[in-house]
PDB file of N, CA and C in Angstrom:
ATOM      1  N   MET A   1      13.870 -12.178   5.165  1.00  0.00           N
ATOM      2  CA  MET A   1      12.743 -11.345   5.521  1.00  0.00           C
ATOM      3  C   MET A   1      12.265 -11.745   6.911  1.00  0.00           C
ATOM      4  N   ALA A   2      11.977 -10.781   7.686  1.00  0.00           N
ATOM      5  CA  ALA A   2      11.625 -10.973   9.085  1.00  0.00           C
ATOM      6  C   ALA A   2      10.299 -11.714   9.244  1.00  0.00           C
ATOM      7  N   ASN A   3      10.386 -13.006   9.557  1.00  0.00           N
ATOM      8  CA  ASN A   3       9.204 -13.810   9.892  1.00  0.00           C
ATOM      9  C   ASN A   3       8.115 -13.842   8.832  1.00  0.00           C
ATOM     10  N   ARG A   4       8.479 -13.776   7.572  1.00  0.00           N
ATOM     11  CA  ARG A   4       7.493 -13.884   6.503  1.00  0.00           C
ATOM     12  C   ARG A   4       7.908 -14.995   5.550  1.00  0.00           C
ATOM     13  N   SER A   5       6.923 -15.688   5.027  1.00  0.00           N
ATOM     14  CA  SER A   5       7.174 -16.754   4.067  1.00  0.00           C
ATOM     15  C   SER A   5       6.618 -16.308   2.724  1.00  0.00           C
ATOM     16  N   PHE A   6       7.476 -16.192   1.712  1.00  0.00           N
ATOM     17  CA  PHE A   6       7.042 -15.734   0.398  1.00  0.00           C
ATOM     18  C   PHE A   6       6.773 -16.927  -0.501  1.00  0.00           C
ATOM     19  N   LYS A   7       5.739 -16.818  -1.294  1.00  0.00           N
ATOM     20  CA  LYS A   7       5.357 -17.864  -2.241  1.00  0.00           C
ATOM     21  C   LYS A   7       5.879 -17.506  -3.624  1.00  0.00           C
ATOM     22  N   SER A   8       6.056 -18.520  -4.445  1.00  0.00           N
ATOM     23  CA  SER A   8       6.556 -18.293  -5.798  1.00  0.00           C
ATOM     24  C   SER A   8       5.533 -17.555  -6.653  1.00  0.00           C
ATOM     25  N   VAL A   9       6.036 -16.676  -7.517  1.00  0.00           N
ATOM     26  CA  VAL A   9       5.211 -15.936  -8.467  1.00  0.00           C
ATOM     27  C   VAL A   9       5.855 -16.099  -9.829  1.00  0.00           C
ATOM     28  N   ASN A  10       5.072 -16.414 -10.854  1.00  0.00           N
ATOM     29  CA  ASN A  10       5.616 -16.461 -12.198  1.00  0.00           C
ATOM     30  C   ASN A  10       5.761 -15.043 -12.703  1.00  0.00           C
ATOM     31  N   ALA A  11       6.990 -14.625 -12.914  1.00  0.00           N
ATOM     32  CA  ALA A  11       7.263 -13.264 -13.352  1.00  0.00           C
ATOM     33  C   ALA A  11       8.488 -13.262 -14.243  1.00  0.00           C
ATOM     34  N   ILE A  12       8.519 -12.317 -15.160  1.00  0.00           N
ATOM     35  CA  ILE A  12       9.681 -12.193 -16.031  1.00  0.00           C
ATOM     36  C   ILE A  12      10.887 -11.719 -15.239  1.00  0.00           C
ATOM     37  N   GLN A  13      10.653 -10.800 -14.291  1.00  0.00           N
ATOM     38  CA  GLN A  13      11.745 -10.318 -13.457  1.00  0.00           C
ATOM     39  C   GLN A  13      11.940 -11.246 -12.273  1.00  0.00           C
ATOM     40  N   GLN A  14      13.167 -11.361 -11.823  1.00  0.00           N
ATOM     41  CA  GLN A  14      13.491 -12.192 -10.675  1.00  0.00           C
ATOM     42  C   GLN A  14      13.110 -11.508  -9.375  1.00  0.00           C
ATOM     43  N   ASP A  15      12.831 -12.311  -8.366  1.00  0.00           N
ATOM     44  CA  ASP A  15      12.618 -11.831  -7.010  1.00  0.00           C
ATOM     45  C   ASP A  15      11.533 -10.772  -6.894  1.00  0.00           C
ATOM     46  N   VAL A  16      10.357 -11.056  -7.452  1.00  0.00           N
ATOM     47  CA  VAL A  16       9.227 -10.136  -7.380  1.00  0.00           C
ATOM     48  C   VAL A  16       8.399 -10.471  -6.140  1.00  0.00           C
ATOM     49  N   ILE A  17       8.051  -9.445  -5.372  1.00  0.00           N
ATOM     50  CA  ILE A  17       7.219  -9.584  -4.182  1.00  0.00           C
ATOM     51  C   ILE A  17       5.922  -8.824  -4.433  1.00  0.00           C
ATOM     52  N   ILE A  18       4.775  -9.469  -4.174  1.00  0.00           N
ATOM     53  CA  ILE A  18       3.485  -8.799  -4.308  1.00  0.00           C
ATOM     54  C   ILE A  18       2.927  -8.590  -2.911  1.00  0.00           C
ATOM     55  N   PHE A  19       2.660  -7.350  -2.576  1.00  0.00           N
ATOM     56  CA  PHE A  19       2.050  -6.995  -1.302  1.00  0.00           C
ATOM     57  C   PHE A  19       0.655  -6.469  -1.615  1.00  0.00           C
ATOM     58  N   ALA A  20      -0.379  -7.156  -1.123  1.00  0.00           N
ATOM     59  CA  ALA A  20      -1.757  -6.718  -1.378  1.00  0.00           C
ATOM     60  C   ALA A  20      -2.533  -6.742  -0.077  1.00  0.00           C
ATOM     61  N   SER A  21      -3.369  -5.732   0.117  1.00  0.00           N
ATOM     62  CA  SER A  21      -4.141  -5.660   1.349  1.00  0.00           C
ATOM     63  C   SER A  21      -5.381  -4.804   1.159  1.00  0.00           C
ATOM     64  N   LYS A  22      -6.425  -5.151   1.897  1.00  0.00           N
ATOM     65  CA  LYS A  22      -7.567  -4.248   2.039  1.00  0.00           C
ATOM     66  C   LYS A  22      -7.245  -3.370   3.233  1.00  0.00           C
ATOM     67  N   ALA A  23      -7.697  -2.132   3.179  1.00  0.00           N
ATOM     68  CA  ALA A  23      -7.439  -1.196   4.259  1.00  0.00           C
ATOM     69  C   ALA A  23      -8.733  -0.475   4.608  1.00  0.00           C
ATOM     70  N   THR A  24      -8.874  -0.140   5.882  1.00  0.00           N
ATOM     71  CA  THR A  24     -10.040   0.606   6.345  1.00  0.00           C
ATOM     72  C   THR A  24      -9.563   1.843   7.079  1.00  0.00           C
ATOM     73  N   LEU A  25     -10.123   2.988   6.712  1.00  0.00           N
ATOM     74  CA  LEU A  25      -9.779   4.237   7.374  1.00  0.00           C
ATOM     75  C   LEU A  25     -10.619   4.365   8.632  1.00  0.00           C
ATOM     76  N   GLY A  26      -9.940   4.514   9.766  1.00  0.00           N
ATOM     77  CA  GLY A  26     -10.629   4.675  11.042  1.00  0.00           C
ATOM     78  C   GLY A  26     -10.706   6.142  11.413  1.00  0.00           C
ATOM     79  N   ALA A  27     -10.850   6.411  12.693  1.00  0.00           N
ATOM     80  CA  ALA A  27     -10.922   7.789  13.182  1.00  0.00           C
ATOM     81  C   ALA A  27      -9.572   8.476  13.013  1.00  0.00           C
ATOM     82  N   GLY A  28      -9.619   9.742  12.656  1.00  0.00           N
ATOM     83  CA  GLY A  28      -8.382  10.508  12.497  1.00  0.00           C
ATOM     84  C   GLY A  28      -7.545  10.002  11.346  1.00  0.00           C
ATOM     85  N   THR A  29      -6.310   9.661  11.624  1.00  0.00           N
ATOM     86  CA  THR A  29      -5.399   9.195  10.564  1.00  0.00           C
ATOM     87  C   THR A  29      -5.157   7.693  10.643  1.00  0.00           C
ATOM     88  N   THR A  30      -5.921   6.992  11.470  1.00  0.00           N
ATOM     89  CA  THR A  30      -5.724   5.557  11.676  1.00  0.00           C
ATOM     90  C   THR A  30      -6.158   4.760  10.452  1.00  0.00           C
ATOM     91  N   VAL A  31      -5.291   3.858  10.020  1.00  0.00           N
ATOM     92  CA  VAL A  31      -5.600   2.957   8.908  1.00  0.00           C
ATOM     93  C   VAL A  31      -5.315   1.536   9.376  1.00  0.00           C
ATOM     94  N   THR A  32      -6.285   0.644   9.178  1.00  0.00           N
ATOM     95  CA  THR A  32      -6.098  -0.759   9.515  1.00  0.00           C
ATOM     96  C   THR A  32      -5.884  -1.539   8.227  1.00  0.00           C
ATOM     97  N   LEU A  33      -4.767  -2.250   8.135  1.00  0.00           N
ATOM     98  CA  LEU A  33      -4.479  -3.096   6.980  1.00  0.00           C
ATOM     99  C   LEU A  33      -4.874  -4.530   7.313  1.00  0.00           C
ATOM    100  N   ALA A  34      -5.762  -5.121   6.493  1.00  0.00           N
ATOM    101  CA  ALA A  34      -6.117  -6.526   6.638  1.00  0.00           C
ATOM    102  C   ALA A  34      -5.092  -7.326   5.843  1.00  0.00           C
ATOM    103  N   ASN A  35      -4.587  -8.374   6.404  1.00  0.00           N
ATOM    104  CA  ASN A  35      -3.545  -9.169   5.745  1.00  0.00           C
ATOM    105  C   ASN A  35      -2.366  -8.292   5.370  1.00  0.00           C
ATOM    106  N   GLY A  36      -2.148  -7.241   6.129  1.00  0.00           N
ATOM    107  CA  GLY A  36      -1.086  -6.298   5.812  1.00  0.00           C
ATOM    108  C   GLY A  36       0.204  -6.593   6.528  1.00  0.00           C
ATOM    109  N   MET A  37       0.484  -7.862   6.769  1.00  0.00           N
ATOM    110  CA  MET A  37       1.701  -8.211   7.454  1.00  0.00           C
ATOM    111  C   MET A  37       2.892  -7.645   6.689  1.00  0.00           C
ATOM    112  N   GLY A  38       3.696  -6.869   7.360  1.00  0.00           N
ATOM    113  CA  GLY A  38       4.867  -6.319   6.704  1.00  0.00           C
ATOM    114  C   GLY A  38       4.754  -4.846   6.369  1.00  0.00           C
ATOM    115  N   ALA A  39       3.687  -4.176   6.846  1.00  0.00           N
ATOM    116  CA  ALA A  39       3.533  -2.756   6.558  1.00  0.00           C
ATOM    117  C   ALA A  39       2.582  -2.119   7.562  1.00  0.00           C
ATOM    118  N   SER A  40       2.653  -0.801   7.648  1.00  0.00           N
ATOM    119  CA  SER A  40       1.692  -0.019   8.425  1.00  0.00           C
ATOM    120  C   SER A  40       1.277   1.161   7.556  1.00  0.00           C
ATOM    121  N   ALA A  41       0.182   1.822   7.920  1.00  0.00           N
ATOM    122  CA  ALA A  41      -0.305   2.917   7.090  1.00  0.00           C
ATOM    123  C   ALA A  41      -0.943   4.002   7.943  1.00  0.00           C
ATOM    124  N   ALA A  42      -0.940   5.224   7.409  1.00  0.00           N
ATOM    125  CA  ALA A  42      -1.609   6.372   8.021  1.00  0.00           C
ATOM    126  C   ALA A  42      -2.200   7.203   6.890  1.00  0.00           C
ATOM    127  N   TYR A  43      -3.203   8.023   7.232  1.00  0.00           N
ATOM    128  CA  TYR A  43      -3.893   8.807   6.215  1.00  0.00           C
ATOM    129  C   TYR A  43      -4.093  10.233   6.695  1.00  0.00           C
ATOM    130  N   ALA A  44      -3.841  11.203   5.818  1.00  0.00           N
ATOM    131  CA  ALA A  44      -4.104  12.616   6.121  1.00  0.00           C
ATOM    132  C   ALA A  44      -4.239  13.385   4.819  1.00  0.00           C
ATOM    133  N   GLY A  45      -5.331  14.143   4.674  1.00  0.00           N
ATOM    134  CA  GLY A  45      -5.514  15.046   3.541  1.00  0.00           C
ATOM    135  C   GLY A  45      -5.371  14.435   2.169  1.00  0.00           C
ATOM    136  N   ALA A  46      -6.065  13.348   1.902  1.00  0.00           N
ATOM    137  CA  ALA A  46      -6.064  12.637   0.621  1.00  0.00           C
ATOM    138  C   ALA A  46      -4.770  11.890   0.334  1.00  0.00           C
ATOM    139  N   VAL A  47      -3.850  11.820   1.307  1.00  0.00           N
ATOM    140  CA  VAL A  47      -2.593  11.096   1.107  1.00  0.00           C
ATOM    141  C   VAL A  47      -2.535   9.912   2.066  1.00  0.00           C
ATOM    142  N   LEU A  48      -2.419   8.725   1.497  1.00  0.00           N
ATOM    143  CA  LEU A  48      -2.216   7.502   2.260  1.00  0.00           C
ATOM    144  C   LEU A  48      -0.724   7.215   2.261  1.00  0.00           C
ATOM    145  N   THR A  49      -0.132   7.110   3.444  1.00  0.00           N
ATOM    146  CA  THR A  49       1.293   6.807   3.546  1.00  0.00           C
ATOM    147  C   THR A  49       1.449   5.387   4.057  1.00  0.00           C
ATOM    148  N   VAL A  50       2.050   4.528   3.227  1.00  0.00           N
ATOM    149  CA  VAL A  50       2.292   3.136   3.594  1.00  0.00           C
ATOM    150  C   VAL A  50       3.781   2.996   3.879  1.00  0.00           C
ATOM    151  N   THR A  51       4.090   2.468   5.050  1.00  0.00           N
ATOM    152  CA  THR A  51       5.485   2.259   5.421  1.00  0.00           C
ATOM    153  C   THR A  51       5.732   0.758   5.504  1.00  0.00           C
ATOM    154  N   MET A  52       6.563   0.262   4.606  1.00  0.00           N
ATOM    155  CA  MET A  52       6.892  -1.159   4.573  1.00  0.00           C
ATOM    156  C   MET A  52       7.850  -1.458   5.723  1.00  0.00           C
ATOM    157  N   ASP A  53       7.693  -2.633   6.356  1.00  0.00           N
ATOM    158  CA  ASP A  53       8.597  -3.020   7.435  1.00  0.00           C
ATOM    159  C   ASP A  53      10.001  -3.279   6.912  1.00  0.00           C
ATOM    160  N   ASP A  54      10.088  -3.746   5.685  1.00  0.00           N
ATOM    161  CA  ASP A  54      11.376  -4.030   5.055  1.00  0.00           C
ATOM    162  C   ASP A  54      11.625  -3.040   3.939  1.00  0.00           C
ATOM    163  N   LYS A  55      12.858  -2.926   3.531  1.00  0.00           N
ATOM    164  CA  LYS A  55      13.225  -2.038   2.429  1.00  0.00           C
ATOM    165  C   LYS A  55      13.332  -2.890   1.161  1.00  0.00           C
ATOM    166  N   TYR A  56      12.870  -2.363   0.036  1.00  0.00           N
ATOM    167  CA  TYR A  56      12.894  -3.078  -1.228  1.00  0.00           C
ATOM    168  C   TYR A  56      13.735  -2.310  -2.226  1.00  0.00           C
ATOM    169  N   ASN A  57      14.247  -3.014  -3.230  1.00  0.00           N
ATOM    170  CA  ASN A  57      15.111  -2.376  -4.217  1.00  0.00           C
ATOM    171  C   ASN A  57      14.362  -1.451  -5.154  1.00  0.00           C
ATOM    172  N   ALA A  58      13.092  -1.759  -5.433  1.00  0.00           N
ATOM    173  CA  ALA A  58      12.328  -0.917  -6.356  1.00  0.00           C
ATOM    174  C   ALA A  58      10.842  -1.202  -6.227  1.00  0.00           C
ATOM    175  N   LEU A  59      10.044  -0.198  -6.554  1.00  0.00           N
ATOM    176  CA  LEU A  59       8.607  -0.357  -6.690  1.00  0.00           C
ATOM    177  C   LEU A  59       8.335  -0.512  -8.176  1.00  0.00           C
ATOM    178  N   LEU A  60       7.898  -1.715  -8.590  1.00  0.00           N
ATOM    179  CA  LEU A  60       7.689  -2.003 -10.010  1.00  0.00           C
ATOM    180  C   LEU A  60       6.307  -1.571 -10.486  1.00  0.00           C
ATOM    181  N   GLY A  61       5.338  -1.550  -9.589  1.00  0.00           N
ATOM    182  CA  GLY A  61       3.996  -1.147  -9.966  1.00  0.00           C
ATOM    183  C   GLY A  61       3.103  -1.095  -8.750  1.00  0.00           C
ATOM    184  N   LEU A  62       1.938  -0.478  -8.904  1.00  0.00           N
ATOM    185  CA  LEU A  62       1.002  -0.412  -7.794  1.00  0.00           C
ATOM    186  C   LEU A  62      -0.408  -0.176  -8.294  1.00  0.00           C
ATOM    187  N   SER A  63      -1.351  -0.484  -7.420  1.00  0.00           N
ATOM    188  CA  SER A  63      -2.757  -0.217  -7.670  1.00  0.00           C
ATOM    189  C   SER A  63      -3.365   0.187  -6.337  1.00  0.00           C
ATOM    190  N   ALA A  64      -4.198   1.206  -6.355  1.00  0.00           N
ATOM    191  CA  ALA A  64      -4.892   1.633  -5.138  1.00  0.00           C
ATOM    192  C   ALA A  64      -6.205   2.281  -5.542  1.00  0.00           C
ATOM    193  N   VAL A  65      -7.290   1.860  -4.901  1.00  0.00           N
ATOM    194  CA  VAL A  65      -8.598   2.430  -5.205  1.00  0.00           C
ATOM    195  C   VAL A  65      -9.505   2.274  -3.994  1.00  0.00           C
ATOM    196  N   VAL A  66     -10.300   3.315  -3.717  1.00  0.00           N
ATOM    197  CA  VAL A  66     -11.308   3.239  -2.662  1.00  0.00           C
ATOM    198  C   VAL A  66     -12.471   2.444  -3.231  1.00  0.00           C
ATOM    199  N   GLN A  67     -12.893   1.409  -2.525  1.00  0.00           N
ATOM    200  CA  GLN A  67     -13.905   0.514  -3.063  1.00  0.00           C
ATOM    201  C   GLN A  67     -15.329   0.924  -2.728  1.00  0.00           C
ATOM    202  N   ASN A  68     -15.542   1.512  -1.579  1.00  0.00           N
ATOM    203  CA  ASN A  68     -16.902   1.930  -1.228  1.00  0.00           C
ATOM    204  C   ASN A  68     -16.845   3.231  -0.431  1.00  0.00           C
ATOM    205  N   PRO A  69     -16.736   4.353  -1.121  1.00  0.00           N
ATOM    206  CA  PRO A  69     -16.668   5.631  -0.408  1.00  0.00           C
ATOM    207  C   PRO A  69     -17.870   5.807   0.518  1.00  0.00           C
ATOM    208  N   ALA A  70     -17.591   5.973   1.819  1.00  0.00           N
ATOM    209  CA  ALA A  70     -18.653   6.066   2.825  1.00  0.00           C
ATOM    210  C   ALA A  70     -19.495   7.324   2.650  1.00  0.00           C
ATOM    211  N   GLY A  71     -18.856   8.451   2.363  1.00  0.00           N
ATOM    212  CA  GLY A  71     -19.601   9.696   2.282  1.00  0.00           C
ATOM    213  C   GLY A  71     -19.884  10.151   0.868  1.00  0.00           C
ATOM    214  N   GLY A  72     -19.470   9.368  -0.104  1.00  0.00           N
ATOM    215  CA  GLY A  72     -19.578   9.817  -1.490  1.00  0.00           C
ATOM    216  C   GLY A  72     -20.732   9.208  -2.245  1.00  0.00           C
ATOM    217  N   SER A  73     -20.630   9.281  -3.541  1.00  0.00           N
ATOM    218  CA  SER A  73     -21.709   8.838  -4.420  1.00  0.00           C
ATOM    219  C   SER A  73     -21.636   7.349  -4.712  1.00  0.00           C
ATOM    220  N   GLY A  74     -20.632   6.661  -4.164  1.00  0.00           N
ATOM    221  CA  GLY A  74     -20.441   5.265  -4.490  1.00  0.00           C
ATOM    222  C   GLY A  74     -19.481   5.081  -5.648  1.00  0.00           C
ATOM    223  N   THR A  75     -19.054   6.194  -6.251  1.00  0.00           N
ATOM    224  CA  THR A  75     -18.075   6.139  -7.326  1.00  0.00           C
ATOM    225  C   THR A  75     -16.690   5.955  -6.714  1.00  0.00           C
ATOM    226  N   PRO A  76     -15.920   4.954  -7.160  1.00  0.00           N
ATOM    227  CA  PRO A  76     -14.600   4.738  -6.579  1.00  0.00           C
ATOM    228  C   PRO A  76     -13.694   5.965  -6.714  1.00  0.00           C
ATOM    229  N   THR A  77     -12.939   6.233  -5.673  1.00  0.00           N
ATOM    230  CA  THR A  77     -11.940   7.284  -5.676  1.00  0.00           C
ATOM    231  C   THR A  77     -10.625   6.654  -6.086  1.00  0.00           C
ATOM    232  N   HIS A  78      -9.991   7.189  -7.103  1.00  0.00           N
ATOM    233  CA  HIS A  78      -8.790   6.569  -7.641  1.00  0.00           C
ATOM    234  C   HIS A  78      -7.533   7.297  -7.220  1.00  0.00           C
ATOM    235  N   LEU A  79      -6.468   6.549  -7.237  1.00  0.00           N
ATOM    236  CA  LEU A  79      -5.146   7.090  -7.005  1.00  0.00           C
ATOM    237  C   LEU A  79      -4.786   8.019  -8.159  1.00  0.00           C
ATOM    238  N   ILE A  80      -4.228   9.192  -7.865  1.00  0.00           N
ATOM    239  CA  ILE A  80      -3.800  10.068  -8.950  1.00  0.00           C
ATOM    240  C   ILE A  80      -2.295  10.253  -9.013  1.00  0.00           C
ATOM    241  N   SER A  81      -1.601  10.050  -7.898  1.00  0.00           N
ATOM    242  CA  SER A  81      -0.148  10.163  -7.958  1.00  0.00           C
ATOM    243  C   SER A  81       0.473   9.442  -6.776  1.00  0.00           C
ATOM    244  N   TYR A  82       1.762   9.182  -6.872  1.00  0.00           N
ATOM    245  CA  TYR A  82       2.452   8.561  -5.749  1.00  0.00           C
ATOM    246  C   TYR A  82       3.905   8.990  -5.744  1.00  0.00           C
ATOM    247  N   THR A  83       4.484   8.914  -4.573  1.00  0.00           N
ATOM    248  CA  THR A  83       5.924   9.096  -4.423  1.00  0.00           C
ATOM    249  C   THR A  83       6.437   7.862  -3.709  1.00  0.00           C
ATOM    250  N   GLU A  84       7.661   7.537  -3.953  1.00  0.00           N
ATOM    251  CA  GLU A  84       8.204   6.330  -3.334  1.00  0.00           C
ATOM    252  C   GLU A  84       9.617   6.563  -2.825  1.00  0.00           C
ATOM    253  N   ALA A  85       9.924   5.844  -1.801  1.00  0.00           N
ATOM    254  CA  ALA A  85      11.285   5.801  -1.290  1.00  0.00           C
ATOM    255  C   ALA A  85      11.495   4.418  -0.701  1.00  0.00           C
ATOM    256  N   VAL A  86      11.028   3.396  -1.417  1.00  0.00           N
ATOM    257  CA  VAL A  86      11.057   2.042  -0.875  1.00  0.00           C
ATOM    258  C   VAL A  86      12.466   1.540  -0.624  1.00  0.00           C
ATOM    259  N   SER A  87      13.421   1.958  -1.437  1.00  0.00           N
ATOM    260  CA  SER A  87      14.766   1.409  -1.280  1.00  0.00           C
ATOM    261  C   SER A  87      15.534   2.035  -0.124  1.00  0.00           C
ATOM    262  N   THR A  88      15.090   3.188   0.366  1.00  0.00           N
ATOM    263  CA  THR A  88      15.817   3.830   1.452  1.00  0.00           C
ATOM    264  C   THR A  88      15.028   3.880   2.747  1.00  0.00           C
ATOM    265  N   THR A  89      13.752   4.220   2.682  1.00  0.00           N
ATOM    266  CA  THR A  89      12.967   4.354   3.917  1.00  0.00           C
ATOM    267  C   THR A  89      11.797   3.394   3.993  1.00  0.00           C
ATOM    268  N   GLY A  90      11.435   2.756   2.903  1.00  0.00           N
ATOM    269  CA  GLY A  90      10.292   1.854   2.900  1.00  0.00           C
ATOM    270  C   GLY A  90       8.956   2.561   2.802  1.00  0.00           C
ATOM    271  N   VAL A  91       8.946   3.865   2.493  1.00  0.00           N
ATOM    272  CA  VAL A  91       7.712   4.646   2.488  1.00  0.00           C
ATOM    273  C   VAL A  91       7.195   4.850   1.066  1.00  0.00           C
ATOM    274  N   ILE A  92       5.884   4.651   0.894  1.00  0.00           N
ATOM    275  CA  ILE A  92       5.217   4.937  -0.366  1.00  0.00           C
ATOM    276  C   ILE A  92       4.026   5.832  -0.028  1.00  0.00           C
ATOM    277  N   ALA A  93       3.988   7.045  -0.588  1.00  0.00           N
ATOM    278  CA  ALA A  93       2.893   7.983  -0.336  1.00  0.00           C
ATOM    279  C   ALA A  93       1.973   8.012  -1.547  1.00  0.00           C
ATOM    280  N   LEU A  94       0.685   7.699  -1.335  1.00  0.00           N
ATOM    281  CA  LEU A  94      -0.299   7.635  -2.408  1.00  0.00           C
ATOM    282  C   LEU A  94      -1.270   8.800  -2.249  1.00  0.00           C
ATOM    283  N   THR A  95      -1.492   9.569  -3.321  1.00  0.00           N
ATOM    284  CA  THR A  95      -2.420  10.691  -3.290  1.00  0.00           C
ATOM    285  C   THR A  95      -3.654  10.338  -4.112  1.00  0.00           C
ATOM    286  N   PHE A  96      -4.839  10.518  -3.512  1.00  0.00           N
ATOM    287  CA  PHE A  96      -6.095  10.192  -4.182  1.00  0.00           C
ATOM    288  C   PHE A  96      -6.743  11.452  -4.739  1.00  0.00           C
ATOM    289  N   ASN A  97      -7.666  11.272  -5.704  1.00  0.00           N
ATOM    290  CA  ASN A  97      -8.301  12.417  -6.356  1.00  0.00           C
ATOM    291  C   ASN A  97      -9.417  13.026  -5.518  1.00  0.00           C
ATOM    292  N   ASP A  98      -9.680  12.486  -4.356  1.00  0.00           N
ATOM    293  CA  ASP A  98     -10.706  13.024  -3.467  1.00  0.00           C
ATOM    294  C   ASP A  98     -10.351  12.576  -2.060  1.00  0.00           C
ATOM    295  N   ASP A  99     -10.805  13.312  -1.079  1.00  0.00           N
ATOM    296  CA  ASP A  99     -10.534  12.940   0.298  1.00  0.00           C
ATOM    297  C   ASP A  99     -11.307  11.675   0.627  1.00  0.00           C
ATOM    298  N   ILE A 100     -10.732  10.832   1.446  1.00  0.00           N
ATOM    299  CA  ILE A 100     -11.354   9.590   1.868  1.00  0.00           C
ATOM    300  C   ILE A 100     -11.993   9.830   3.234  1.00  0.00           C
ATOM    301  N   SER A 101     -13.143   9.219   3.471  1.00  0.00           N
ATOM    302  CA  SER A 101     -13.879   9.419   4.718  1.00  0.00           C
ATOM    303  C   SER A 101     -13.674   8.251   5.669  1.00  0.00           C
ATOM    304  N   GLU A 102     -13.955   8.517   6.951  1.00  0.00           N
ATOM    305  CA  GLU A 102     -13.879   7.463   7.954  1.00  0.00           C
ATOM    306  C   GLU A 102     -14.768   6.293   7.531  1.00  0.00           C
ATOM    307  N   ASP A 103     -14.291   5.096   7.748  1.00  0.00           N
ATOM    308  CA  ASP A 103     -14.960   3.829   7.420  1.00  0.00           C
ATOM    309  C   ASP A 103     -14.870   3.464   5.935  1.00  0.00           C
ATOM    310  N   ASP A 104     -14.225   4.282   5.110  1.00  0.00           N
ATOM    311  CA  ASP A 104     -14.010   3.889   3.724  1.00  0.00           C
ATOM    312  C   ASP A 104     -13.085   2.670   3.684  1.00  0.00           C
ATOM    313  N   VAL A 105     -13.352   1.787   2.744  1.00  0.00           N
ATOM    314  CA  VAL A 105     -12.528   0.604   2.540  1.00  0.00           C
ATOM    315  C   VAL A 105     -11.870   0.743   1.183  1.00  0.00           C
ATOM    316  N   PHE A 106     -10.586   0.482   1.122  1.00  0.00           N
ATOM    317  CA  PHE A 106      -9.881   0.572  -0.146  1.00  0.00           C
ATOM    318  C   PHE A 106      -8.870  -0.551  -0.240  1.00  0.00           C
ATOM    319  N   SER A 107      -8.391  -0.788  -1.434  1.00  0.00           N
ATOM    320  CA  SER A 107      -7.399  -1.839  -1.627  1.00  0.00           C
ATOM    321  C   SER A 107      -6.118  -1.220  -2.153  1.00  0.00           C
ATOM    322  N   VAL A 108      -5.020  -1.817  -1.739  1.00  0.00           N
ATOM    323  CA  VAL A 108      -3.707  -1.407  -2.234  1.00  0.00           C
ATOM    324  C   VAL A 108      -2.947  -2.660  -2.649  1.00  0.00           C
ATOM    325  N   MET A 109      -2.195  -2.548  -3.721  1.00  0.00           N
ATOM    326  CA  MET A 109      -1.331  -3.635  -4.155  1.00  0.00           C
ATOM    327  C   MET A 109      -0.032  -3.036  -4.665  1.00  0.00           C
ATOM    328  N   PHE A 110       1.070  -3.536  -4.153  1.00  0.00           N
ATOM    329  CA  PHE A 110       2.387  -3.102  -4.586  1.00  0.00           C
ATOM    330  C   PHE A 110       3.126  -4.291  -5.172  1.00  0.00           C
ATOM    331  N   VAL A 111       3.775  -4.083  -6.297  1.00  0.00           N
ATOM    332  CA  VAL A 111       4.667  -5.077  -6.874  1.00  0.00           C
ATOM    333  C   VAL A 111       6.066  -4.546  -6.624  1.00  0.00           C
ATOM    334  N   LEU A 112       6.811  -5.281  -5.811  1.00  0.00           N
ATOM    335  CA  LEU A 112       8.114  -4.823  -5.349  1.00  0.00           C
ATOM    336  C   LEU A 112       9.225  -5.714  -5.875  1.00  0.00           C
ATOM    337  N   LYS A 113      10.391  -5.154  -6.007  1.00  0.00           N
ATOM    338  CA  LYS A 113      11.547  -5.907  -6.496  1.00  0.00           C
ATOM    339  C   LYS A 113      12.430  -6.261  -5.327  1.00  0.00           C
ATOM    340  N   ASN A 114      12.558  -7.583  -5.078  1.00  0.00           N
ATOM    341  CA  ASN A 114      13.614  -8.054  -4.219  1.00  0.00           C
ATOM    342  C   ASN A 114      13.585  -7.371  -2.861  1.00  0.00           C
ATOM    343  N   SER A 115      14.513  -7.693  -2.006  1.00  0.00           N
ATOM    344  CA  SER A 115      14.648  -7.014  -0.715  1.00  0.00           C
ATOM    345  C   SER A 115      16.115  -6.818  -0.419  1.00  0.00           C
ATOM    346  N   SER A 116      16.388  -5.687   0.178  1.00  0.00           N
ATOM    347  CA  SER A 116      17.777  -5.413   0.548  1.00  0.00           C
ATOM    348  C   SER A 116      18.089  -5.955   1.930  1.00  0.00           C
ATOM    349  N   VAL A 117      17.059  -6.539   2.586  1.00  0.00           N
ATOM    350  CA  VAL A 117      17.266  -7.136   3.905  1.00  0.00           C
ATOM    351  C   VAL A 117      17.772  -8.543   3.700  1.00  0.00           C
ATOM    352  N   THR A 118      18.902  -8.864   4.268  1.00  0.00           N
ATOM    353  CA  THR A 118      19.454 -10.221   4.121  1.00  0.00           C
ATOM    354  C   THR A 118      19.066 -11.065   5.325  1.00  0.00           C
ATOM    355  N   PRO A 119      18.791 -12.344   5.078  1.00  0.00           N
ATOM    356  CA  PRO A 119      18.359 -13.214   6.185  1.00  0.00           C
ATOM    357  C   PRO A 119      19.466 -13.456   7.193  1.00  0.00           C
TER     358      PRO A 119
END
């Protein structure tokens, strides 16, 4: 893996990678990932697109939720669907049940299987 050090995780499956980050929606489609080393993100029309720097064999699970909707009632906006192509393009598209506003903060966590990138 390109310049990343992975820590051990107790898991039933071998070679599990956990990617977790807080994200903030900026102006337009700009998304800033905190501790998001290894990925970039963009947002448009209730869809958050996360592009992993590396390709993974499978997406085993995920969690994504808006933690403090800036323009809403304070009720978290939840993920309603996702598409993945982690093994070929590294892209995971997450669709939320409501549009996210500028300055909203949300968290994403992906549980990934192994990497097809060899050292």
